[in-house]
Amino acid sequence: MTVDLARHADIRKRLSAVGLSISALAREVGVAPETITIVSQGYRRSRRVESELASALGTTPAQLFPERYTAEEGSTEE
């Protein structure tokens, strides 16, 4: 797993731009805010959280986390 704090900062900025915070998204998803942070920083992987983050940002998990998805997986993620 690759830790990417710059991507985490970008995700926070993009969430803010769409009127969300990590805490607000965590409430919507039903997980602790720390779970969102840990996944977005790259310490852990959760396809559910990756999918929710991507959906909130109007993208796919494969585009948001390209190193975590193979080309085949990315083509099926929407």
N, C-alpha and C. Protein backbone atom coordinates (compact mmCIF):
# COMPACT_ATOMS: atom_id res chain seq x y z
N MET A 1 0.84 -1.17 0.00
CA MET A 1 0.00 0.00 0.00
C MET A 1 0.89 1.24 0.00
N THR A 2 0.55 2.18 -0.82
CA THR A 2 1.32 3.40 -0.94
C THR A 2 0.63 4.53 -0.19
N VAL A 3 1.33 5.14 0.75
CA VAL A 3 0.79 6.28 1.48
C VAL A 3 0.98 7.52 0.61
N ASP A 4 -0.08 8.30 0.44
CA ASP A 4 -0.04 9.48 -0.41
C ASP A 4 -0.79 10.62 0.30
N LEU A 5 -0.04 11.36 1.10
CA LEU A 5 -0.65 12.45 1.87
C LEU A 5 -1.06 13.61 0.98
N ALA A 6 -0.38 13.79 -0.13
CA ALA A 6 -0.75 14.86 -1.07
C ALA A 6 -2.12 14.56 -1.69
N ARG A 7 -2.36 13.30 -2.03
CA ARG A 7 -3.67 12.94 -2.58
C ARG A 7 -4.75 13.16 -1.52
N HIS A 8 -4.45 12.80 -0.28
CA HIS A 8 -5.41 13.01 0.80
C HIS A 8 -5.78 14.49 0.91
N ALA A 9 -4.78 15.35 0.84
CA ALA A 9 -5.04 16.79 0.90
C ALA A 9 -5.90 17.22 -0.29
N ASP A 10 -5.63 16.66 -1.45
CA ASP A 10 -6.42 16.98 -2.64
C ASP A 10 -7.86 16.50 -2.49
N ILE A 11 -8.03 15.31 -1.94
CA ILE A 11 -9.39 14.78 -1.71
C ILE A 11 -10.14 15.69 -0.75
N ARG A 12 -9.50 16.11 0.32
CA ARG A 12 -10.16 17.02 1.27
C ARG A 12 -10.56 18.33 0.59
N LYS A 13 -9.68 18.85 -0.23
CA LYS A 13 -9.96 20.10 -0.95
C LYS A 13 -11.13 19.90 -1.92
N ARG A 14 -11.13 18.79 -2.65
CA ARG A 14 -12.21 18.52 -3.60
C ARG A 14 -13.54 18.27 -2.89
N LEU A 15 -13.50 17.59 -1.75
CA LEU A 15 -14.73 17.40 -0.98
C LEU A 15 -15.29 18.75 -0.53
N SER A 16 -14.41 19.60 -0.07
CA SER A 16 -14.83 20.94 0.36
C SER A 16 -15.47 21.71 -0.78
N ALA A 17 -14.92 21.56 -1.97
CA ALA A 17 -15.45 22.26 -3.15
C ALA A 17 -16.87 21.81 -3.49
N VAL A 18 -17.23 20.57 -3.12
CA VAL A 18 -18.59 20.10 -3.38
C VAL A 18 -19.46 20.17 -2.12
N GLY A 19 -18.97 20.87 -1.11
CA GLY A 19 -19.75 21.11 0.09
C GLY A 19 -19.75 19.98 1.10
N LEU A 20 -18.74 19.14 1.07
CA LEU A 20 -18.64 18.03 2.01
C LEU A 20 -17.34 18.12 2.81
N SER A 21 -17.33 17.49 3.94
CA SER A 21 -16.12 17.30 4.72
C SER A 21 -15.94 15.80 4.91
N ILE A 22 -14.80 15.41 5.40
CA ILE A 22 -14.58 13.99 5.68
C ILE A 22 -15.59 13.51 6.71
N SER A 23 -15.86 14.32 7.72
CA SER A 23 -16.83 13.95 8.75
C SER A 23 -18.23 13.78 8.17
N ALA A 24 -18.64 14.70 7.31
CA ALA A 24 -19.97 14.62 6.70
C ALA A 24 -20.09 13.38 5.83
N LEU A 25 -19.07 13.10 5.04
CA LEU A 25 -19.09 11.92 4.18
C LEU A 25 -19.13 10.66 5.05
N ALA A 26 -18.36 10.65 6.11
CA ALA A 26 -18.33 9.49 7.01
C ALA A 26 -19.72 9.24 7.60
N ARG A 27 -20.42 10.29 7.99
CA ARG A 27 -21.79 10.14 8.51
C ARG A 27 -22.70 9.54 7.44
N GLU A 28 -22.58 10.03 6.21
CA GLU A 28 -23.40 9.52 5.12
C GLU A 28 -23.13 8.03 4.85
N VAL A 29 -21.86 7.65 4.94
CA VAL A 29 -21.45 6.29 4.63
C VAL A 29 -21.66 5.36 5.82
N GLY A 30 -21.68 5.92 7.02
CA GLY A 30 -21.86 5.11 8.21
C GLY A 30 -20.57 4.53 8.76
N VAL A 31 -19.48 5.28 8.59
CA VAL A 31 -18.19 4.87 9.14
C VAL A 31 -17.61 6.02 9.94
N ALA A 32 -16.56 5.76 10.68
CA ALA A 32 -15.87 6.80 11.43
C ALA A 32 -15.08 7.68 10.46
N PRO A 33 -14.96 8.97 10.77
CA PRO A 33 -14.15 9.85 9.91
C PRO A 33 -12.72 9.33 9.74
N GLU A 34 -12.20 8.69 10.78
CA GLU A 34 -10.84 8.15 10.70
C GLU A 34 -10.73 7.09 9.61
N THR A 35 -11.80 6.36 9.37
CA THR A 35 -11.81 5.34 8.32
C THR A 35 -11.63 5.99 6.96
N ILE A 36 -12.36 7.07 6.70
CA ILE A 36 -12.22 7.79 5.44
C ILE A 36 -10.79 8.30 5.29
N THR A 37 -10.26 8.88 6.36
CA THR A 37 -8.90 9.43 6.32
C THR A 37 -7.87 8.34 6.05
N ILE A 38 -7.97 7.23 6.76
CA ILE A 38 -7.00 6.13 6.61
C ILE A 38 -7.01 5.59 5.18
N VAL A 39 -8.19 5.47 4.58
CA VAL A 39 -8.29 4.98 3.21
C VAL A 39 -7.75 6.02 2.24
N SER A 40 -8.13 7.28 2.40
CA SER A 40 -7.69 8.30 1.45
C SER A 40 -6.19 8.57 1.54
N GLN A 41 -5.60 8.35 2.71
CA GLN A 41 -4.16 8.50 2.85
C GLN A 41 -3.39 7.31 2.31
N GLY A 42 -4.05 6.17 2.21
CA GLY A 42 -3.40 4.99 1.66
C GLY A 42 -2.90 4.00 2.68
N TYR A 43 -3.24 4.19 3.95
CA TYR A 43 -2.79 3.25 4.97
C TYR A 43 -3.56 1.93 4.92
N ARG A 44 -4.82 2.01 4.51
CA ARG A 44 -5.67 0.83 4.39
C ARG A 44 -6.49 0.95 3.11
N ARG A 45 -7.08 -0.17 2.73
CA ARG A 45 -7.91 -0.19 1.53
C ARG A 45 -9.31 -0.66 1.89
N SER A 46 -10.30 0.04 1.35
CA SER A 46 -11.69 -0.37 1.49
C SER A 46 -12.38 0.01 0.19
N ARG A 47 -12.78 -1.00 -0.56
CA ARG A 47 -13.43 -0.71 -1.84
C ARG A 47 -14.71 0.10 -1.63
N ARG A 48 -15.41 -0.17 -0.55
CA ARG A 48 -16.63 0.58 -0.26
C ARG A 48 -16.32 2.06 -0.04
N VAL A 49 -15.33 2.36 0.79
CA VAL A 49 -14.97 3.75 1.06
C VAL A 49 -14.38 4.40 -0.18
N GLU A 50 -13.55 3.68 -0.91
CA GLU A 50 -13.00 4.22 -2.16
C GLU A 50 -14.12 4.58 -3.12
N SER A 51 -15.12 3.71 -3.22
CA SER A 51 -16.25 3.95 -4.10
C SER A 51 -17.07 5.16 -3.65
N GLU A 52 -17.30 5.28 -2.36
CA GLU A 52 -18.06 6.41 -1.82
C GLU A 52 -17.31 7.73 -2.02
N LEU A 53 -16.00 7.71 -1.80
CA LEU A 53 -15.20 8.91 -2.03
C LEU A 53 -15.27 9.32 -3.50
N ALA A 54 -15.07 8.36 -4.38
CA ALA A 54 -15.10 8.65 -5.81
C ALA A 54 -16.46 9.17 -6.23
N SER A 55 -17.51 8.56 -5.75
CA SER A 55 -18.87 8.99 -6.09
C SER A 55 -19.11 10.43 -5.63
N ALA A 56 -18.68 10.75 -4.42
CA ALA A 56 -18.85 12.11 -3.90
C ALA A 56 -18.10 13.13 -4.74
N LEU A 57 -17.01 12.69 -5.36
CA LEU A 57 -16.19 13.60 -6.16
C LEU A 57 -16.50 13.53 -7.65
N GLY A 58 -17.49 12.72 -8.02
CA GLY A 58 -17.90 12.63 -9.42
C GLY A 58 -16.89 11.94 -10.31
N THR A 59 -16.24 10.92 -9.77
CA THR A 59 -15.25 10.18 -10.54
C THR A 59 -15.39 8.70 -10.21
N THR A 60 -14.46 7.90 -10.66
CA THR A 60 -14.48 6.47 -10.36
C THR A 60 -13.35 6.16 -9.38
N PRO A 61 -13.47 5.05 -8.65
CA PRO A 61 -12.37 4.65 -7.76
C PRO A 61 -11.06 4.45 -8.53
N ALA A 62 -11.14 3.89 -9.73
CA ALA A 62 -9.93 3.65 -10.52
C ALA A 62 -9.25 4.95 -10.92
N GLN A 63 -10.01 6.01 -11.13
CA GLN A 63 -9.41 7.30 -11.47
C GLN A 63 -8.84 7.98 -10.22
N LEU A 64 -9.50 7.80 -9.10
CA LEU A 64 -9.05 8.43 -7.86
C LEU A 64 -7.86 7.70 -7.26
N PHE A 65 -7.85 6.39 -7.38
CA PHE A 65 -6.78 5.55 -6.83
C PHE A 65 -6.24 4.62 -7.90
N PRO A 66 -5.59 5.12 -8.93
CA PRO A 66 -5.19 4.28 -10.07
C PRO A 66 -4.25 3.13 -9.71
N GLU A 67 -3.41 3.31 -8.72
CA GLU A 67 -2.47 2.26 -8.36
C GLU A 67 -3.17 1.09 -7.65
N ARG A 68 -4.39 1.28 -7.21
CA ARG A 68 -5.12 0.23 -6.48
C ARG A 68 -5.99 -0.63 -7.39
N TYR A 69 -6.14 -0.23 -8.63
CA TYR A 69 -7.04 -0.94 -9.54
C TYR A 69 -6.30 -1.34 -10.81
N THR A 70 -6.55 -2.56 -11.27
CA THR A 70 -5.99 -2.99 -12.55
C THR A 70 -6.81 -2.35 -13.66
N ALA A 71 -6.32 -2.40 -14.86
CA ALA A 71 -7.06 -1.83 -16.00
C ALA A 71 -8.42 -2.51 -16.15
N GLU A 72 -8.48 -3.80 -15.92
CA GLU A 72 -9.74 -4.53 -16.04
C GLU A 72 -10.74 -4.09 -14.97
N GLU A 73 -10.28 -3.95 -13.72
CA GLU A 73 -11.16 -3.49 -12.67
C GLU A 73 -11.65 -2.07 -12.93
N GLY A 74 -10.75 -1.23 -13.42
CA GLY A 74 -11.11 0.16 -13.68
C GLY A 74 -12.15 0.30 -14.75
N SER A 75 -12.17 -0.63 -15.70
CA SER A 75 -13.14 -0.53 -16.79
C SER A 75 -14.55 -0.89 -16.34
N THR A 76 -14.66 -1.61 -15.21
CA THR A 76 -15.98 -1.99 -14.73
C THR A 76 -16.48 -1.08 -13.62
N GLU A 77 -15.65 -0.25 -13.07
CA GLU A 77 -16.04 0.64 -11.98
C GLU A 77 -16.74 1.88 -12.52
N GLU A 78 -17.89 2.18 -11.99
CA GLU A 78 -18.58 3.40 -12.39
C GLU A 78 -19.20 4.04 -11.21
